[in-house]
Amino acid sequence: MHVSILDLSPVTTGGSGTAALRNSIDLARLADRLGYTRYWVAEHHNLPSVASSAPDIMIGQIAAATARIRVGSGGVMLPNHAPLTVAERFHTLEALFPGRIDLGIGRAPGTDPITSVALRRRQDIRDDDDFLERFQELMLIEARGFPDGHPFRNIRAMPADVALPPVYLLGSSGYSAELAAAIGAGFAFAHHFATHDAVDAMTSYRNRFRPSAALAHPHAILGVAAVCADTQAEADRLATTIDLNFLRRSKGEYLPLASPEEADAYPYSAADRERIRHNRGRVFTGTAETVRARLDPLLAATKADEVMVTTMIYDHAARRHSYELLAQAFGSAGAARAEPAAAGA
């Protein structure tokens, strides 16, 4: 089982965005040494708990600070960007770090509606969902597939002597699974916040997959939230940060990540505790052995090729230790280097 990391560069109470970004580079170095397959950074905007707003910049910084781990976006939120801009930035990254970059693409803006408008105000803002149109434009630019006479026919993403990195579509519903299958791209499912059934989405992707020039066989990544510690009690204590963050966001409150002590002192109502209890069903906590035992049935049911773990907890040292324990639990992390076979391989 390939094991990877999704990082949002969490900002904590009393901490700073600067520290959060530096912690991400520190964690990526650790992941590189531990043998994780890839390290993806997210794109979110106007969220006090998330410092990761510019994935392409962070990818370059992390790739420069590491030696072998693949580095990518989890993901670039395509509604916020001109397709040519995305193509050029990822051509540049691929030229600088050949064979180590991934382009994960998301359909949502990664923010609230007003901030989304601010991100797009110099673009053609429309009320309808234009993700598919933007994605098709990105793919046509890369393939130079615009017909004769089209104004974009002669546009090439520079540097033109490298190809776009492997493309993965991100999703929390069945839509991205079907699209990824139709175009022969990789697929990453966000189990950690999705309401859609992970087994359904990933089975649909695998069953409908059509081989492409980029990918001969389906490659499905299951994104999960997990916290590992030396004891179950310590893991559950660390995860109270996740509990309070989830509860606050469900109420429209966006604050830096609270410490376990702050979470313990929060005045939860009975309804709050029930919400948290329900959400804990999709947060994998415990010792390394416990987390692995809980994850294995889901990985088997979804037939995931890879598990990508996000650990949004308060203490950076505890987060590092969680990923150390997780690598030990899977054992294969150090050997998880192989990429999906390309068509014709």
Protein backbone atom coordinates (compact mmCIF):
# COMPACT_ATOMS: atom_id res chain seq x y z
CA MET A 1 0.00 0.00 0.00
CA HIS A 2 1.37 3.36 -1.04
CA VAL A 3 1.20 5.92 1.80
CA SER A 4 1.19 9.68 1.26
CA ILE A 5 0.50 12.97 3.05
CA LEU A 6 -1.98 15.79 2.45
CA ASP A 7 -0.94 18.99 4.23
CA LEU A 8 -2.99 22.16 4.76
CA SER A 9 -0.26 23.97 6.72
CA PRO A 10 -2.43 24.30 9.84
CA VAL A 11 -2.34 27.58 11.77
CA THR A 12 -2.80 27.18 15.51
CA THR A 13 -4.02 29.41 18.32
CA GLY A 14 -1.04 31.53 19.34
CA GLY A 15 0.87 30.43 16.24
CA SER A 16 1.46 32.14 12.91
CA GLY A 17 1.08 31.48 9.23
CA THR A 18 4.84 31.80 8.84
CA ALA A 19 5.41 29.02 11.36
CA ALA A 20 2.74 26.88 9.68
CA LEU A 21 4.46 27.09 6.29
CA ARG A 22 7.87 26.36 7.78
CA ASN A 23 6.38 23.40 9.63
CA SER A 24 5.15 22.05 6.30
CA ILE A 25 8.67 22.09 4.87
CA ASP A 26 9.97 20.42 8.03
CA LEU A 27 7.29 17.72 7.84
CA ALA A 28 7.99 17.16 4.14
CA ARG A 29 11.67 16.55 4.89
CA LEU A 30 10.64 13.96 7.48
CA ALA A 31 8.21 12.32 5.04
CA ASP A 32 10.98 12.14 2.45
CA ARG A 33 13.24 10.32 4.91
CA LEU A 34 10.45 8.01 6.06
CA GLY A 35 9.71 6.91 2.49
CA TYR A 36 6.25 8.37 1.93
CA THR A 37 5.19 8.26 -1.71
CA ARG A 38 3.98 11.83 -2.16
CA TYR A 39 3.39 15.06 -0.29
CA TRP A 40 0.48 17.18 -1.49
CA VAL A 41 -0.37 20.69 -0.37
CA ALA A 42 -3.85 22.20 -0.46
CA GLU A 43 -5.32 25.44 -1.76
CA HIS A 44 -7.64 27.29 0.62
CA HIS A 45 -8.34 30.99 0.97
CA ASN A 46 -9.46 33.28 3.78
CA LEU A 47 -9.36 30.51 6.40
CA PRO A 48 -7.58 31.46 9.64
CA SER A 49 -6.74 27.79 10.29
CA VAL A 50 -5.04 27.17 6.92
CA ALA A 51 -1.89 28.88 5.63
CA SER A 52 -1.76 26.91 2.38
CA SER A 53 -3.15 29.32 -0.21
CA ALA A 54 -0.53 29.07 -2.97
CA PRO A 55 0.22 25.39 -3.67
CA ASP A 56 2.48 26.00 -6.66
CA ILE A 57 4.84 28.13 -4.55
CA MET A 58 4.88 25.60 -1.71
CA ILE A 59 5.45 22.72 -4.14
CA GLY A 60 8.60 24.41 -5.40
CA GLN A 61 9.85 25.07 -1.88
CA ILE A 62 9.13 21.53 -0.69
CA ALA A 63 10.58 19.86 -3.78
CA ALA A 64 13.76 21.91 -3.35
CA ALA A 65 14.01 20.86 0.32
CA THR A 66 13.52 17.12 -0.37
CA ALA A 67 15.29 14.53 -2.46
CA ARG A 68 12.93 11.86 -3.82
CA ILE A 69 9.34 12.23 -2.63
CA ARG A 70 6.76 13.29 -5.20
CA VAL A 71 5.27 16.72 -4.46
CA GLY A 72 1.95 17.99 -5.74
CA SER A 73 -1.23 19.93 -5.30
CA GLY A 74 -4.13 18.59 -3.32
CA GLY A 75 -5.23 20.47 -5.19
CA VAL A 76 -5.16 23.47 -7.49
CA MET A 77 -8.72 24.81 -7.38
CA LEU A 78 -9.30 25.32 -11.09
CA PRO A 79 -12.18 27.84 -10.79
CA ASN A 80 -9.66 30.31 -9.33
CA HIS A 81 -7.12 30.13 -12.15
CA ALA A 82 -6.79 30.62 -15.87
CA PRO A 83 -5.99 27.21 -17.38
CA LEU A 84 -2.92 28.55 -19.20
CA THR A 85 -1.55 29.89 -15.90
CA VAL A 86 -1.91 26.44 -14.31
CA ALA A 87 -0.25 24.80 -17.31
CA GLU A 88 2.72 27.16 -17.28
CA ARG A 89 3.31 26.93 -13.53
CA PHE A 90 3.28 23.16 -13.55
CA HIS A 91 5.42 22.95 -16.68
CA THR A 92 7.91 25.10 -14.78
CA LEU A 93 7.79 22.86 -11.71
CA GLU A 94 8.19 19.75 -13.84
CA ALA A 95 11.20 21.30 -15.60
CA LEU A 96 12.84 22.10 -12.26
CA PHE A 97 12.00 18.79 -10.56
CA PRO A 98 11.52 16.25 -13.37
CA GLY A 99 9.51 13.17 -12.48
CA ARG A 100 8.60 14.40 -9.00
CA ILE A 101 5.59 16.69 -9.53
CA ASP A 102 1.84 15.88 -9.46
CA LEU A 103 -1.01 18.13 -10.59
CA GLY A 104 -4.06 17.46 -8.46
CA ILE A 105 -7.05 19.50 -9.62
CA GLY A 106 -10.13 20.42 -7.62
CA ARG A 107 -13.54 21.60 -8.71
CA ALA A 108 -14.45 23.81 -5.73
CA PRO A 109 -13.03 27.30 -5.08
CA GLY A 110 -11.71 26.33 -1.65
CA THR A 111 -13.25 29.31 0.07
CA ASP A 112 -16.42 31.29 0.75
CA PRO A 113 -18.48 32.85 -2.09
CA ILE A 114 -17.27 36.43 -1.56
CA THR A 115 -13.60 35.45 -1.51
CA SER A 116 -14.23 33.36 -4.60
CA VAL A 117 -15.45 36.46 -6.41
CA ALA A 118 -12.35 38.37 -5.29
CA LEU A 119 -10.15 35.58 -6.67
CA ARG A 120 -11.96 35.63 -10.01
CA ARG A 121 -12.87 39.27 -10.45
CA ARG A 122 -10.46 39.71 -13.39
CA GLN A 123 -11.78 36.56 -15.01
CA ASP A 124 -15.07 35.81 -16.72
CA ILE A 125 -17.21 35.23 -13.61
CA ARG A 126 -20.35 33.23 -14.33
CA ASP A 127 -23.12 31.85 -12.19
CA ASP A 128 -22.88 28.37 -13.69
CA ASP A 129 -20.21 25.78 -12.92
CA ASP A 130 -17.51 26.23 -15.56
CA PHE A 131 -15.06 23.66 -14.17
CA LEU A 132 -15.46 21.25 -17.09
CA GLU A 133 -14.91 24.05 -19.62
CA ARG A 134 -11.75 25.16 -17.82
CA PHE A 135 -10.48 21.63 -17.50
CA GLN A 136 -11.04 20.94 -21.19
CA GLU A 137 -9.15 24.12 -22.03
CA LEU A 138 -6.23 23.01 -19.87
CA MET A 139 -6.12 19.62 -21.59
CA LEU A 140 -6.41 21.13 -25.07
CA ILE A 141 -3.57 23.56 -24.37
CA GLU A 142 -1.40 20.66 -23.25
CA ALA A 143 -2.31 18.45 -26.24
CA ARG A 144 -2.29 21.38 -28.70
CA GLY A 145 -5.71 20.13 -29.60
CA PHE A 146 -7.49 23.33 -30.58
CA PRO A 147 -8.67 23.17 -34.21
CA ASP A 148 -7.26 25.29 -37.03
CA GLY A 149 -8.62 28.81 -36.84
CA HIS A 150 -9.16 28.75 -33.09
CA PRO A 151 -7.52 31.78 -31.40
CA PHE A 152 -5.74 29.45 -28.93
CA ARG A 153 -4.42 27.13 -31.64
CA ASN A 154 -0.80 28.31 -31.43
CA ILE A 155 -0.57 28.79 -27.66
CA ARG A 156 2.00 26.59 -25.94
CA ALA A 157 2.59 26.33 -22.23
CA MET A 158 6.19 27.23 -21.52
CA PRO A 159 8.69 25.74 -21.04
CA ALA A 160 7.41 23.67 -23.95
CA ASP A 161 10.11 21.00 -23.81
CA VAL A 162 8.50 19.30 -20.79
CA ALA A 163 5.07 17.76 -20.38
CA LEU A 164 2.42 18.54 -17.81
CA PRO A 165 2.94 16.38 -14.70
CA PRO A 166 0.52 13.51 -14.00
CA VAL A 167 -3.02 14.79 -13.51
CA TYR A 168 -5.28 13.67 -10.65
CA LEU A 169 -8.85 14.82 -10.20
CA LEU A 170 -9.93 15.42 -6.62
CA GLY A 171 -13.46 14.78 -5.48
CA SER A 172 -15.88 14.22 -2.63
CA SER A 173 -18.77 13.00 -4.81
CA GLY A 174 -19.29 10.79 -7.80
CA TYR A 175 -18.80 13.52 -10.43
CA SER A 176 -15.01 13.76 -10.32
CA ALA A 177 -14.75 9.96 -10.17
CA GLU A 178 -16.68 9.64 -13.42
CA LEU A 179 -14.72 12.44 -15.10
CA ALA A 180 -11.37 11.03 -14.01
CA ALA A 181 -12.38 7.63 -15.37
CA ALA A 182 -13.58 9.08 -18.66
CA ILE A 183 -10.32 10.91 -19.41
CA GLY A 184 -7.97 8.27 -18.01
CA ALA A 185 -6.58 10.34 -15.12
CA GLY A 186 -5.81 9.51 -11.51
CA PHE A 187 -8.48 10.06 -8.87
CA ALA A 188 -8.27 11.12 -5.22
CA PHE A 189 -11.33 10.85 -2.99
CA ALA A 190 -11.68 13.03 0.12
CA HIS A 191 -13.12 10.58 2.63
CA HIS A 192 -12.12 12.94 5.47
CA PHE A 193 -14.94 15.36 4.67
CA ALA A 194 -17.11 13.72 2.02
CA THR A 195 -20.72 12.77 2.60
CA HIS A 196 -20.71 10.58 -0.53
CA ASP A 197 -19.82 6.92 -0.04
CA ALA A 198 -16.13 6.30 -0.70
CA VAL A 199 -16.65 2.74 -1.89
CA ASP A 200 -19.23 3.86 -4.45
CA ALA A 201 -17.04 6.67 -5.83
CA MET A 202 -13.86 4.64 -6.08
CA THR A 203 -15.59 1.56 -7.47
CA SER A 204 -17.28 3.71 -10.11
CA TYR A 205 -13.91 5.22 -11.06
CA ARG A 206 -12.25 1.84 -11.39
CA ASN A 207 -15.11 0.22 -13.33
CA ARG A 208 -15.44 3.10 -15.80
CA PHE A 209 -11.75 3.85 -16.29
CA ARG A 210 -10.60 4.30 -19.88
CA PRO A 211 -6.84 3.99 -20.50
CA SER A 212 -5.20 7.14 -21.79
CA ALA A 213 -1.81 8.13 -23.17
CA ALA A 214 -0.89 9.27 -19.66
CA LEU A 215 -2.23 6.35 -17.61
CA ALA A 216 -2.75 2.76 -18.63
CA HIS A 217 -4.50 1.61 -15.45
CA PRO A 218 -6.66 3.36 -12.84
CA HIS A 219 -4.89 4.83 -9.82
CA ALA A 220 -7.20 5.65 -6.92
CA ILE A 221 -6.07 7.52 -3.82
CA LEU A 222 -8.15 7.47 -0.63
CA GLY A 223 -7.76 10.62 1.46
CA VAL A 224 -8.36 10.08 5.19
CA ALA A 225 -7.93 11.93 8.48
CA ALA A 226 -5.85 10.06 11.04
CA VAL A 227 -4.01 10.65 14.32
CA CYS A 228 -1.48 8.15 15.63
CA ALA A 229 0.06 8.26 19.10
CA ASP A 230 1.73 5.90 21.54
CA THR A 231 -1.61 5.21 23.25
CA GLN A 232 -5.27 5.36 22.27
CA ALA A 233 -5.90 7.91 25.02
CA GLU A 234 -3.19 10.23 23.72
CA ALA A 235 -4.44 9.95 20.13
CA ASP A 236 -7.98 10.76 21.23
CA ARG A 237 -6.70 13.74 23.22
CA LEU A 238 -4.80 15.10 20.22
CA ALA A 239 -7.87 14.59 18.02
CA THR A 240 -9.98 16.91 20.18
CA THR A 241 -8.41 19.69 18.08
CA ILE A 242 -10.04 18.11 15.03
CA ASP A 243 -13.33 17.78 16.92
CA LEU A 244 -13.53 21.45 17.84
CA ASN A 245 -12.40 22.64 14.42
CA PHE A 246 -15.09 20.49 12.78
CA LEU A 247 -17.76 21.77 15.17
CA ARG A 248 -16.82 25.41 14.72
CA ARG A 249 -16.79 25.15 10.95
CA SER A 250 -20.21 23.50 11.00
CA LYS A 251 -21.41 26.66 12.78
CA GLY A 252 -19.67 29.02 10.36
CA GLU A 253 -16.87 29.82 12.81
CA TYR A 254 -13.41 29.80 11.23
CA LEU A 255 -10.63 30.07 13.79
CA PRO A 256 -7.05 28.83 14.18
CA LEU A 257 -6.71 25.27 15.45
CA ALA A 258 -7.30 25.03 19.19
CA SER A 259 -5.06 23.17 21.60
CA PRO A 260 -6.43 20.04 23.30
CA GLU A 261 -6.66 22.09 26.50
CA GLU A 262 -8.75 24.75 24.77
CA ALA A 263 -10.91 22.06 23.20
CA ASP A 264 -11.41 20.39 26.57
CA ALA A 265 -12.62 23.68 28.10
CA TYR A 266 -15.13 24.42 25.29
CA PRO A 267 -18.78 24.51 26.47
CA TYR A 268 -20.18 21.72 24.28
CA SER A 269 -23.93 21.16 24.15
CA ALA A 270 -25.43 17.71 23.87
CA ALA A 271 -26.05 18.38 20.18
CA ASP A 272 -22.42 19.43 19.74
CA ARG A 273 -21.19 16.21 21.28
CA GLU A 274 -23.43 14.15 19.03
CA ARG A 275 -22.09 15.95 15.95
CA ILE A 276 -18.55 15.25 17.08
CA ARG A 277 -19.33 11.62 17.84
CA HIS A 278 -20.76 11.17 14.35
CA ASN A 279 -17.77 12.84 12.69
CA ARG A 280 -15.30 10.76 14.70
CA GLY A 281 -16.54 7.79 12.70
CA ARG A 282 -14.38 8.98 9.82
CA VAL A 283 -11.33 10.07 11.86
CA PHE A 284 -8.91 7.21 12.43
CA THR A 285 -7.28 7.55 15.86
CA GLY A 286 -5.18 5.30 18.05
CA THR A 287 -1.88 3.49 18.14
CA ALA A 288 -0.24 2.65 14.85
CA GLU A 289 -1.60 -0.89 15.01
CA THR A 290 -5.13 0.30 15.82
CA VAL A 291 -5.19 2.83 13.00
CA ARG A 292 -3.89 0.27 10.52
CA ALA A 293 -6.48 -2.27 11.66
CA ARG A 294 -9.29 0.27 11.23
CA LEU A 295 -8.05 1.47 7.86
CA ASP A 296 -7.46 -1.90 6.24
CA PRO A 297 -11.15 -2.86 5.74
CA LEU A 298 -11.89 0.50 4.08
CA LEU A 299 -8.82 0.26 1.87
CA ALA A 300 -9.87 -3.24 0.85
CA ALA A 301 -13.47 -2.21 0.16
CA THR A 302 -12.46 0.78 -1.96
CA LYS A 303 -9.59 -1.15 -3.63
CA ALA A 304 -7.47 1.95 -3.07
CA ASP A 305 -4.01 1.93 -4.65
CA GLU A 306 -2.84 4.48 -2.12
CA VAL A 307 -3.87 6.10 1.15
CA MET A 308 -3.21 9.82 1.68
CA VAL A 309 -3.37 10.97 5.28
CA THR A 310 -4.07 14.41 6.71
CA THR A 311 -3.40 15.08 10.38
CA MET A 312 -4.73 18.49 11.44
CA ILE A 313 -3.62 18.64 15.06
CA TYR A 314 -2.28 21.42 17.26
CA ASP A 315 1.23 20.34 18.17
CA HIS A 316 3.77 20.04 15.34
CA ALA A 317 5.96 17.57 17.23
CA ALA A 318 2.93 15.34 17.82
CA ARG A 319 2.06 15.60 14.12
CA ARG A 320 5.57 14.51 13.16
CA HIS A 321 5.35 11.59 15.58
CA SER A 322 1.96 10.58 14.19
CA TYR A 323 3.42 10.26 10.70
CA GLU A 324 6.43 8.36 12.04
CA LEU A 325 4.11 5.85 13.67
CA LEU A 326 1.97 5.62 10.55
CA ALA A 327 5.01 4.83 8.40
CA GLN A 328 5.92 2.06 10.82
CA ALA A 329 2.38 0.70 10.78
CA PHE A 330 2.30 0.31 7.02
CA GLY A 331 5.89 -0.81 6.78
CA SER A 332 5.72 -0.35 3.02
CA ALA A 333 6.14 3.43 3.16
CA GLY A 334 9.88 3.14 2.61
CA ALA A 335 9.33 1.11 -0.54
CA ALA A 336 6.32 3.04 -1.81
CA ARG A 337 8.04 4.66 -4.76
CA ALA A 338 6.56 3.06 -7.85
CA GLU A 339 4.27 5.17 -10.00
CA PRO A 340 1.23 3.93 -11.92
CA ALA A 341 2.31 2.35 -15.17
CA ALA A 342 2.11 4.63 -18.17
CA ALA A 343 0.26 3.48 -21.27
CA GLY A 344 2.43 1.22 -23.34
CA ALA A 345 4.75 0.43 -20.44
